[in-house]
Amino acid sequence: MFSSHGPSVRELAAQALTSVERGYDLLAPKFDHTPFRTPDRMLDAVEETLAQREGSFDAGLDVCCGTGAAIGMLRRLCRGRVTGVDVSAGMLAEASRAHPDERVDFVRADARALPAALGDSYDLAVSFGAFGHFLPAERPALFSGVHRALRPGGLFAFPIGAPMAPASPAWWAVAGFDAAMRVRNAVWRPPFVMYYRTFPLSGVREDLRAAGFTVETVPLEHFGRQPGGAPRWRLVLARRPEGPGRTPVPKVPAE
């Protein structure tokens, strides 16, 4: 699962026993050699889908950018400024080294409280692989901050996987991981928030609409479909409407 250049079991244990911010500072130099980095296949699928549906953008924002895996994608999709935001100084240092481009800047900030200076500046915001670090009660602050950072008409795009079948080995694996993390956080401080099953599409859609977005999803056909026909992965497209104010928040049934 890890390459020879990745972290050792001891290093992973040290990371897990500290905070999210400190943990990623420790992991940063070896992060790209772990399976936690967003796969290029996913980045390519999202880039292709956005390019086909939307064309190009002006300025782009990567929320929880980590070591900058998605920065190259944003540079190709966006004509102007590209910004990566992350709470970990160590991850930002790696991202800066990987992308020494005058069009790219990096900002250290908590995604739940994005700096006001970012406000109303971006046409596209993306995020990959970070939502497990936010509890459901924290999603409104996260989504509201991204909404403020986008210009009217701007788009917030991110992939979301289909629910796992309860009988599958993968379901039991992530359920066991989440249970272990809940125990760890109940008995150890500081907490390390990382859960795999706290980001369901129905709740996410509702919170996005409450933050003022209009929301649609499109299948990422690159990853195929489940036996029943549902896509294995979808791309969530949350758009800040043109004009002032927020749109009404209708109650809709979950997909």
C-alpha atoms as a PDB file:
ATOM      1  CA  MET A   1       0.000   0.000   0.000  1.00  0.00           C
ATOM      2  CA  PHE A   2       2.892   2.369   0.720  1.00  0.00           C
ATOM      3  CA  SER A   3       6.011   2.777  -1.376  1.00  0.00           C
ATOM      4  CA  SER A   4       9.468   2.423   0.121  1.00  0.00           C
ATOM      5  CA  HIS A   5       9.589   6.221   0.250  1.00  0.00           C
ATOM      6  CA  GLY A   6       6.409   6.459   2.335  1.00  0.00           C
ATOM      7  CA  PRO A   7       6.030   6.789   6.098  1.00  0.00           C
ATOM      8  CA  SER A   8       6.768   3.964   8.491  1.00  0.00           C
ATOM      9  CA  VAL A   9       4.197   2.472  10.850  1.00  0.00           C
ATOM     10  CA  ARG A  10       5.876   4.387  13.682  1.00  0.00           C
ATOM     11  CA  GLU A  11       5.550   7.655  11.776  1.00  0.00           C
ATOM     12  CA  LEU A  12       1.878   7.003  10.993  1.00  0.00           C
ATOM     13  CA  ALA A  13       1.212   6.221  14.647  1.00  0.00           C
ATOM     14  CA  ALA A  14       2.892   9.476  15.697  1.00  0.00           C
ATOM     15  CA  GLN A  15       0.744  11.364  13.224  1.00  0.00           C
ATOM     16  CA  ALA A  16      -2.473   9.727  14.436  1.00  0.00           C
ATOM     17  CA  LEU A  17      -1.744  10.633  18.058  1.00  0.00           C
ATOM     18  CA  THR A  18      -1.520  14.349  17.415  1.00  0.00           C
ATOM     19  CA  SER A  19      -3.826  16.971  15.895  1.00  0.00           C
ATOM     20  CA  VAL A  20      -4.848  17.101  12.229  1.00  0.00           C
ATOM     21  CA  GLU A  21      -2.647  20.138  11.633  1.00  0.00           C
ATOM     22  CA  ARG A  22       0.432  18.751  13.397  1.00  0.00           C
ATOM     23  CA  GLY A  23      -0.145  15.300  11.952  1.00  0.00           C
ATOM     24  CA  TYR A  24      -0.021  16.583   8.398  1.00  0.00           C
ATOM     25  CA  ASP A  25       3.005  18.732   9.184  1.00  0.00           C
ATOM     26  CA  LEU A  26       4.763  15.498  10.163  1.00  0.00           C
ATOM     27  CA  LEU A  27       3.475  13.528   7.177  1.00  0.00           C
ATOM     28  CA  ALA A  28       4.007  16.230   4.548  1.00  0.00           C
ATOM     29  CA  PRO A  29       7.481  15.233   3.235  1.00  0.00           C
ATOM     30  CA  LYS A  30       6.268  11.696   2.494  1.00  0.00           C
ATOM     31  CA  PHE A  31       2.584  12.363   1.790  1.00  0.00           C
ATOM     32  CA  ASP A  32       2.828  11.960  -1.982  1.00  0.00           C
ATOM     33  CA  HIS A  33       4.171   8.425  -1.461  1.00  0.00           C
ATOM     34  CA  THR A  34       1.035   7.315   0.370  1.00  0.00           C
ATOM     35  CA  PRO A  35      -2.384   6.202  -0.937  1.00  0.00           C
ATOM     36  CA  PHE A  36      -3.886   9.267   0.763  1.00  0.00           C
ATOM     37  CA  ARG A  37      -2.842  11.499  -2.138  1.00  0.00           C
ATOM     38  CA  THR A  38      -5.679  11.989  -4.639  1.00  0.00           C
ATOM     39  CA  PRO A  39      -5.004   9.641  -7.578  1.00  0.00           C
ATOM     40  CA  ASP A  40      -4.167  11.216 -10.920  1.00  0.00           C
ATOM     41  CA  ARG A  41      -7.011   9.194 -12.422  1.00  0.00           C
ATOM     42  CA  MET A  42      -9.513  11.105 -10.297  1.00  0.00           C
ATOM     43  CA  LEU A  43      -7.919  14.462 -11.042  1.00  0.00           C
ATOM     44  CA  ASP A  44      -7.951  13.721 -14.764  1.00  0.00           C
ATOM     45  CA  ALA A  45     -11.619  12.651 -14.673  1.00  0.00           C
ATOM     46  CA  VAL A  46     -12.682  15.837 -12.885  1.00  0.00           C
ATOM     47  CA  GLU A  47     -10.581  18.039 -15.173  1.00  0.00           C
ATOM     48  CA  GLU A  48     -12.017  16.443 -18.305  1.00  0.00           C
ATOM     49  CA  THR A  49     -15.586  16.747 -17.031  1.00  0.00           C
ATOM     50  CA  LEU A  50     -15.190  20.400 -16.046  1.00  0.00           C
ATOM     51  CA  ALA A  51     -13.474  21.295 -19.322  1.00  0.00           C
ATOM     52  CA  GLN A  52     -16.226  19.663 -21.369  1.00  0.00           C
ATOM     53  CA  ARG A  53     -19.092  21.175 -19.379  1.00  0.00           C
ATOM     54  CA  GLU A  54     -17.728  24.570 -18.423  1.00  0.00           C
ATOM     55  CA  GLY A  55     -14.766  25.377 -20.647  1.00  0.00           C
ATOM     56  CA  SER A  56     -12.123  27.489 -18.949  1.00  0.00           C
ATOM     57  CA  PHE A  57     -12.216  29.666 -15.850  1.00  0.00           C
ATOM     58  CA  ASP A  58     -10.432  32.781 -14.661  1.00  0.00           C
ATOM     59  CA  ALA A  59      -9.230  32.289 -11.058  1.00  0.00           C
ATOM     60  CA  GLY A  60      -9.174  28.943  -9.223  1.00  0.00           C
ATOM     61  CA  LEU A  61      -9.135  27.957  -5.543  1.00  0.00           C
ATOM     62  CA  ASP A  62      -8.087  24.583  -4.099  1.00  0.00           C
ATOM     63  CA  VAL A  63      -9.659  24.162  -0.657  1.00  0.00           C
ATOM     64  CA  CYS A  64      -7.499  21.924   1.579  1.00  0.00           C
ATOM     65  CA  CYS A  65      -4.866  21.696  -1.153  1.00  0.00           C
ATOM     66  CA  GLY A  66      -2.407  19.508   0.756  1.00  0.00           C
ATOM     67  CA  THR A  67       0.801  19.067  -1.219  1.00  0.00           C
ATOM     68  CA  GLY A  68      -0.856  20.527  -4.319  1.00  0.00           C
ATOM     69  CA  ALA A  69      -2.032  17.466  -6.231  1.00  0.00           C
ATOM     70  CA  ALA A  70      -4.845  19.453  -7.887  1.00  0.00           C
ATOM     71  CA  ILE A  71      -2.867  22.635  -8.565  1.00  0.00           C
ATOM     72  CA  GLY A  72      -1.694  21.445 -11.986  1.00  0.00           C
ATOM     73  CA  MET A  73      -5.301  20.709 -12.939  1.00  0.00           C
ATOM     74  CA  LEU A  74      -6.356  24.213 -11.866  1.00  0.00           C
ATOM     75  CA  ARG A  75      -3.495  25.806 -13.782  1.00  0.00           C
ATOM     76  CA  ARG A  76      -4.718  24.132 -16.957  1.00  0.00           C
ATOM     77  CA  LEU A  77      -8.373  24.987 -16.352  1.00  0.00           C
ATOM     78  CA  CYS A  78      -7.822  28.576 -15.179  1.00  0.00           C
ATOM     79  CA  ARG A  79      -6.428  31.502 -17.144  1.00  0.00           C
ATOM     80  CA  GLY A  80      -5.518  33.581 -14.113  1.00  0.00           C
ATOM     81  CA  ARG A  81      -4.604  33.266 -10.458  1.00  0.00           C
ATOM     82  CA  VAL A  82      -4.616  29.879  -8.704  1.00  0.00           C
ATOM     83  CA  THR A  83      -4.642  29.690  -4.901  1.00  0.00           C
ATOM     84  CA  GLY A  84      -4.179  26.711  -2.607  1.00  0.00           C
ATOM     85  CA  VAL A  85      -5.458  26.888   0.976  1.00  0.00           C
ATOM     86  CA  ASP A  86      -4.505  24.478   3.752  1.00  0.00           C
ATOM     87  CA  VAL A  87      -4.169  24.524   7.523  1.00  0.00           C
ATOM     88  CA  SER A  88      -0.857  22.618   7.515  1.00  0.00           C
ATOM     89  CA  ALA A  89       2.287  24.684   7.026  1.00  0.00           C
ATOM     90  CA  GLY A  90       4.199  21.507   6.197  1.00  0.00           C
ATOM     91  CA  MET A  91       1.828  20.550   3.391  1.00  0.00           C
ATOM     92  CA  LEU A  92       1.925  24.093   2.002  1.00  0.00           C
ATOM     93  CA  ALA A  93       5.721  24.047   1.997  1.00  0.00           C
ATOM     94  CA  GLU A  94       5.683  20.885  -0.125  1.00  0.00           C
ATOM     95  CA  ALA A  95       3.056  22.391  -2.439  1.00  0.00           C
ATOM     96  CA  SER A  96       5.116  25.560  -2.884  1.00  0.00           C
ATOM     97  CA  ARG A  97       8.182  23.546  -3.827  1.00  0.00           C
ATOM     98  CA  ALA A  98       6.190  21.496  -6.318  1.00  0.00           C
ATOM     99  CA  HIS A  99       4.576  24.532  -7.979  1.00  0.00           C
ATOM    100  CA  PRO A 100       7.022  27.465  -8.215  1.00  0.00           C
ATOM    101  CA  ASP A 101       4.738  29.390 -10.555  1.00  0.00           C
ATOM    102  CA  GLU A 102       4.112  33.131 -10.298  1.00  0.00           C
ATOM    103  CA  ARG A 103       0.426  32.505 -11.042  1.00  0.00           C
ATOM    104  CA  VAL A 104       0.132  30.223  -7.992  1.00  0.00           C
ATOM    105  CA  ASP A 105      -0.032  31.367  -4.385  1.00  0.00           C
ATOM    106  CA  PHE A 106      -0.661  29.479  -1.160  1.00  0.00           C
ATOM    107  CA  VAL A 107      -2.496  30.628   1.937  1.00  0.00           C
ATOM    108  CA  ARG A 108      -2.380  29.013   5.352  1.00  0.00           C
ATOM    109  CA  ALA A 109      -5.892  29.009   6.774  1.00  0.00           C
ATOM    110  CA  ASP A 110      -8.540  26.829   8.343  1.00  0.00           C
ATOM    111  CA  ALA A 111     -11.103  25.977   5.656  1.00  0.00           C
ATOM    112  CA  ARG A 112     -13.854  26.518   8.231  1.00  0.00           C
ATOM    113  CA  ALA A 113     -12.812  30.179   8.444  1.00  0.00           C
ATOM    114  CA  LEU A 114     -11.439  31.225   5.065  1.00  0.00           C
ATOM    115  CA  PRO A 115      -9.791  34.670   5.150  1.00  0.00           C
ATOM    116  CA  ALA A 116     -11.986  37.571   4.110  1.00  0.00           C
ATOM    117  CA  ALA A 117      -9.258  38.594   1.649  1.00  0.00           C
ATOM    118  CA  LEU A 118     -10.186  35.606  -0.516  1.00  0.00           C
ATOM    119  CA  GLY A 119     -13.789  36.751  -0.779  1.00  0.00           C
ATOM    120  CA  ASP A 120     -15.578  37.120  -4.108  1.00  0.00           C
ATOM    121  CA  SER A 121     -12.402  36.463  -6.111  1.00  0.00           C
ATOM    122  CA  TYR A 122     -12.665  33.011  -7.707  1.00  0.00           C
ATOM    123  CA  ASP A 123     -14.589  31.432 -10.563  1.00  0.00           C
ATOM    124  CA  LEU A 124     -13.827  27.829  -9.616  1.00  0.00           C
ATOM    125  CA  ALA A 125     -13.197  26.146  -6.274  1.00  0.00           C
ATOM    126  CA  VAL A 126     -12.336  22.467  -5.906  1.00  0.00           C
ATOM    127  CA  SER A 127     -11.534  20.123  -3.055  1.00  0.00           C
ATOM    128  CA  PHE A 128     -10.277  16.547  -3.002  1.00  0.00           C
ATOM    129  CA  GLY A 129     -10.030  14.009  -0.229  1.00  0.00           C
ATOM    130  CA  ALA A 130     -10.389  16.397   2.702  1.00  0.00           C
ATOM    131  CA  PHE A 131     -14.027  16.251   3.748  1.00  0.00           C
ATOM    132  CA  GLY A 132     -13.483  13.439   6.246  1.00  0.00           C
ATOM    133  CA  HIS A 133     -11.676  15.990   8.399  1.00  0.00           C
ATOM    134  CA  PHE A 134     -14.879  17.977   8.973  1.00  0.00           C
ATOM    135  CA  LEU A 135     -17.675  16.885  11.258  1.00  0.00           C
ATOM    136  CA  PRO A 136     -21.213  17.278   9.868  1.00  0.00           C
ATOM    137  CA  ALA A 137     -21.814  20.275  12.143  1.00  0.00           C
ATOM    138  CA  GLU A 138     -18.806  22.002  10.561  1.00  0.00           C
ATOM    139  CA  ARG A 139     -20.021  21.716   6.968  1.00  0.00           C
ATOM    140  CA  PRO A 140     -22.133  24.915   7.047  1.00  0.00           C
ATOM    141  CA  ALA A 141     -19.099  27.049   7.957  1.00  0.00           C
ATOM    142  CA  LEU A 142     -16.980  25.286   5.336  1.00  0.00           C
ATOM    143  CA  PHE A 143     -19.532  25.717   2.551  1.00  0.00           C
ATOM    144  CA  SER A 144     -20.404  29.290   3.501  1.00  0.00           C
ATOM    145  CA  GLY A 145     -16.728  30.236   3.318  1.00  0.00           C
ATOM    146  CA  VAL A 146     -16.359  28.749  -0.153  1.00  0.00           C
ATOM    147  CA  HIS A 147     -19.571  30.533  -1.225  1.00  0.00           C
ATOM    148  CA  ARG A 148     -18.083  33.866  -0.111  1.00  0.00           C
ATOM    149  CA  ALA A 149     -14.830  33.159  -1.950  1.00  0.00           C
ATOM    150  CA  LEU A 150     -16.606  32.646  -5.279  1.00  0.00           C
ATOM    151  CA  ARG A 151     -17.773  35.360  -7.625  1.00  0.00           C
ATOM    152  CA  PRO A 152     -21.471  35.284  -8.572  1.00  0.00           C
ATOM    153  CA  GLY A 153     -21.829  32.437 -11.035  1.00  0.00           C
ATOM    154  CA  GLY A 154     -18.733  30.715  -9.626  1.00  0.00           C
ATOM    155  CA  LEU A 155     -18.579  26.941  -9.247  1.00  0.00           C
ATOM    156  CA  PHE A 156     -17.573  24.680  -6.348  1.00  0.00           C
ATOM    157  CA  ALA A 157     -16.789  21.203  -7.683  1.00  0.00           C
ATOM    158  CA  PHE A 158     -15.760  18.016  -5.902  1.00  0.00           C
ATOM    159  CA  PRO A 159     -16.176  14.245  -6.388  1.00  0.00           C
ATOM    160  CA  ILE A 160     -18.258  12.101  -4.085  1.00  0.00           C
ATOM    161  CA  GLY A 161     -18.424   8.307  -4.074  1.00  0.00           C
ATOM    162  CA  ALA A 162     -21.520   6.128  -4.034  1.00  0.00           C
ATOM    163  CA  PRO A 163     -22.480   4.568  -0.699  1.00  0.00           C
ATOM    164  CA  MET A 164     -20.795   1.226  -0.108  1.00  0.00           C
ATOM    165  CA  ALA A 165     -22.879  -1.918   0.126  1.00  0.00           C
ATOM    166  CA  PRO A 166     -23.145  -2.926   3.820  1.00  0.00           C
ATOM    167  CA  ALA A 167     -22.141  -6.486   3.003  1.00  0.00           C
ATOM    168  CA  SER A 168     -18.931  -5.478   1.193  1.00  0.00           C
ATOM    169  CA  PRO A 169     -15.464  -5.817   2.736  1.00  0.00           C
ATOM    170  CA  ALA A 170     -14.844  -2.132   2.004  1.00  0.00           C
ATOM    171  CA  TRP A 171     -17.880  -1.114   4.075  1.00  0.00           C
ATOM    172  CA  TRP A 172     -16.644  -3.118   7.054  1.00  0.00           C
ATOM    173  CA  ALA A 173     -13.141  -1.693   6.645  1.00  0.00           C
ATOM    174  CA  VAL A 174     -14.252   1.942   6.722  1.00  0.00           C
ATOM    175  CA  ALA A 175     -16.816   1.265   9.453  1.00  0.00           C
ATOM    176  CA  GLY A 176     -14.070  -0.275  11.566  1.00  0.00           C
ATOM    177  CA  PHE A 177     -11.761   2.658  10.882  1.00  0.00           C
ATOM    178  CA  ASP A 178     -14.428   5.195  11.842  1.00  0.00           C
ATOM    179  CA  ALA A 179     -15.220   3.267  15.026  1.00  0.00           C
ATOM    180  CA  ALA A 180     -11.542   3.163  15.966  1.00  0.00           C
ATOM    181  CA  MET A 181     -11.213   6.908  15.377  1.00  0.00           C
ATOM    182  CA  ARG A 182     -14.241   7.616  17.568  1.00  0.00           C
ATOM    183  CA  VAL A 183     -12.689   5.601  20.385  1.00  0.00           C
ATOM    184  CA  ARG A 184      -9.337   7.304  19.886  1.00  0.00           C
ATOM    185  CA  ASN A 185     -10.949  10.760  20.017  1.00  0.00           C
ATOM    186  CA  ALA A 186     -12.947   9.856  23.110  1.00  0.00           C
ATOM    187  CA  VAL A 187      -9.862   8.934  25.113  1.00  0.00           C
ATOM    188  CA  TRP A 188      -7.051  11.013  23.601  1.00  0.00           C
ATOM    189  CA  ARG A 189      -6.444  14.731  23.124  1.00  0.00           C
ATOM    190  CA  PRO A 190      -6.024  16.559  20.874  1.00  0.00           C
ATOM    191  CA  PRO A 191      -8.603  14.932  18.602  1.00  0.00           C
ATOM    192  CA  PHE A 192      -7.670  13.767  15.108  1.00  0.00           C
ATOM    193  CA  VAL A 193     -10.826  14.156  13.030  1.00  0.00           C
ATOM    194  CA  MET A 194     -10.852  11.766  10.084  1.00  0.00           C
ATOM    195  CA  TYR A 195     -13.965   9.773   9.213  1.00  0.00           C
ATOM    196  CA  TYR A 196     -15.044   8.079   5.998  1.00  0.00           C
ATOM    197  CA  ARG A 197     -18.807   7.938   6.476  1.00  0.00           C
ATOM    198  CA  THR A 198     -19.752  11.449   7.578  1.00  0.00           C
ATOM    199  CA  PHE A 199     -20.220  12.997   4.131  1.00  0.00           C
ATOM    200  CA  PRO A 200     -23.399  11.538   2.558  1.00  0.00           C
ATOM    201  CA  LEU A 201     -24.669  13.152  -0.625  1.00  0.00           C
ATOM    202  CA  SER A 202     -28.128  13.915   0.782  1.00  0.00           C
ATOM    203  CA  GLY A 203     -26.798  15.859   3.775  1.00  0.00           C
ATOM    204  CA  VAL A 204     -24.096  17.532   1.718  1.00  0.00           C
ATOM    205  CA  ARG A 205     -26.628  18.713  -0.851  1.00  0.00           C
ATOM    206  CA  GLU A 206     -28.853  20.145   1.856  1.00  0.00           C
ATOM    207  CA  ASP A 207     -25.966  22.020   3.502  1.00  0.00           C
ATOM    208  CA  LEU A 208     -24.761  23.386   0.162  1.00  0.00           C
ATOM    209  CA  ARG A 209     -28.220  24.742  -0.610  1.00  0.00           C
ATOM    210  CA  ALA A 210     -28.466  26.258   2.850  1.00  0.00           C
ATOM    211  CA  ALA A 211     -25.158  28.046   2.148  1.00  0.00           C
ATOM    212  CA  GLY A 212     -26.680  29.593  -0.988  1.00  0.00           C
ATOM    213  CA  PHE A 213     -25.578  27.221  -3.752  1.00  0.00           C
ATOM    214  CA  THR A 214     -27.625  25.628  -6.473  1.00  0.00           C
ATOM    215  CA  VAL A 215     -26.589  21.988  -6.724  1.00  0.00           C
ATOM    216  CA  GLU A 216     -26.446  19.346  -9.414  1.00  0.00           C
ATOM    217  CA  THR A 217     -24.408  16.178  -9.830  1.00  0.00           C
ATOM    218  CA  VAL A 218     -23.034  14.535 -12.947  1.00  0.00           C
ATOM    219  CA  PRO A 219     -21.703  10.969 -13.207  1.00  0.00           C
ATOM    220  CA  LEU A 220     -17.962  10.470 -13.525  1.00  0.00           C
ATOM    221  CA  GLU A 221     -18.296   7.724 -16.107  1.00  0.00           C
ATOM    222  CA  HIS A 222     -14.545   7.111 -15.988  1.00  0.00           C
ATOM    223  CA  PHE A 223     -15.167   4.918 -12.922  1.00  0.00           C
ATOM    224  CA  GLY A 224     -18.082   2.897 -14.277  1.00  0.00           C
ATOM    225  CA  ARG A 225     -21.376   2.048 -12.632  1.00  0.00           C
ATOM    226  CA  GLN A 226     -22.597  -0.241  -9.911  1.00  0.00           C
ATOM    227  CA  PRO A 227     -24.577  -3.408 -10.754  1.00  0.00           C
ATOM    228  CA  GLY A 228     -27.844  -1.499 -10.256  1.00  0.00           C
ATOM    229  CA  GLY A 229     -26.777   1.220 -12.696  1.00  0.00           C
ATOM    230  CA  ALA A 230     -25.875   4.028 -10.280  1.00  0.00           C
ATOM    231  CA  PRO A 231     -22.526   5.731 -10.926  1.00  0.00           C
ATOM    232  CA  ARG A 232     -19.661   4.742  -8.659  1.00  0.00           C
ATOM    233  CA  TRP A 233     -18.566   8.385  -8.500  1.00  0.00           C
ATOM    234  CA  ARG A 234     -20.351  11.670  -9.103  1.00  0.00           C
ATOM    235  CA  LEU A 235     -19.049  15.189  -9.528  1.00  0.00           C
ATOM    236  CA  VAL A 236     -20.947  17.639  -7.345  1.00  0.00           C
ATOM    237  CA  LEU A 237     -21.394  21.008  -9.076  1.00  0.00           C
ATOM    238  CA  ALA A 238     -22.443  23.661  -6.574  1.00  0.00           C
ATOM    239  CA  ARG A 239     -22.886  27.085  -8.136  1.00  0.00           C
ATOM    240  CA  ARG A 240     -23.142  30.478  -6.495  1.00  0.00           C
ATOM    241  CA  PRO A 241     -26.108  32.075  -8.251  1.00  0.00           C
ATOM    242  CA  GLU A 242     -25.777  35.292 -10.223  1.00  0.00           C
ATOM    243  CA  GLY A 243     -27.046  38.342  -8.413  1.00  0.00           C
ATOM    244  CA  PRO A 244     -27.355  39.225  -4.719  1.00  0.00           C
ATOM    245  CA  GLY A 245     -28.877  37.160  -1.974  1.00  0.00           C
ATOM    246  CA  ARG A 246     -29.331  33.481  -1.422  1.00  0.00           C
ATOM    247  CA  THR A 247     -31.620  31.166  -3.282  1.00  0.00           C
ATOM    248  CA  PRO A 248     -34.455  29.408  -1.453  1.00  0.00           C
ATOM    249  CA  VAL A 249     -33.527  26.102   0.124  1.00  0.00           C
ATOM    250  CA  PRO A 250     -36.109  23.504  -0.997  1.00  0.00           C
ATOM    251  CA  LYS A 251     -36.428  20.161   0.722  1.00  0.00           C
ATOM    252  CA  VAL A 252     -35.796  17.453  -1.831  1.00  0.00           C
ATOM    253  CA  PRO A 253     -35.641  13.671  -1.502  1.00  0.00           C
ATOM    254  CA  ALA A 254     -32.208  12.092  -1.402  1.00  0.00           C
ATOM    255  CA  GLU A 255     -30.983  10.312  -4.514  1.00  0.00           C
END
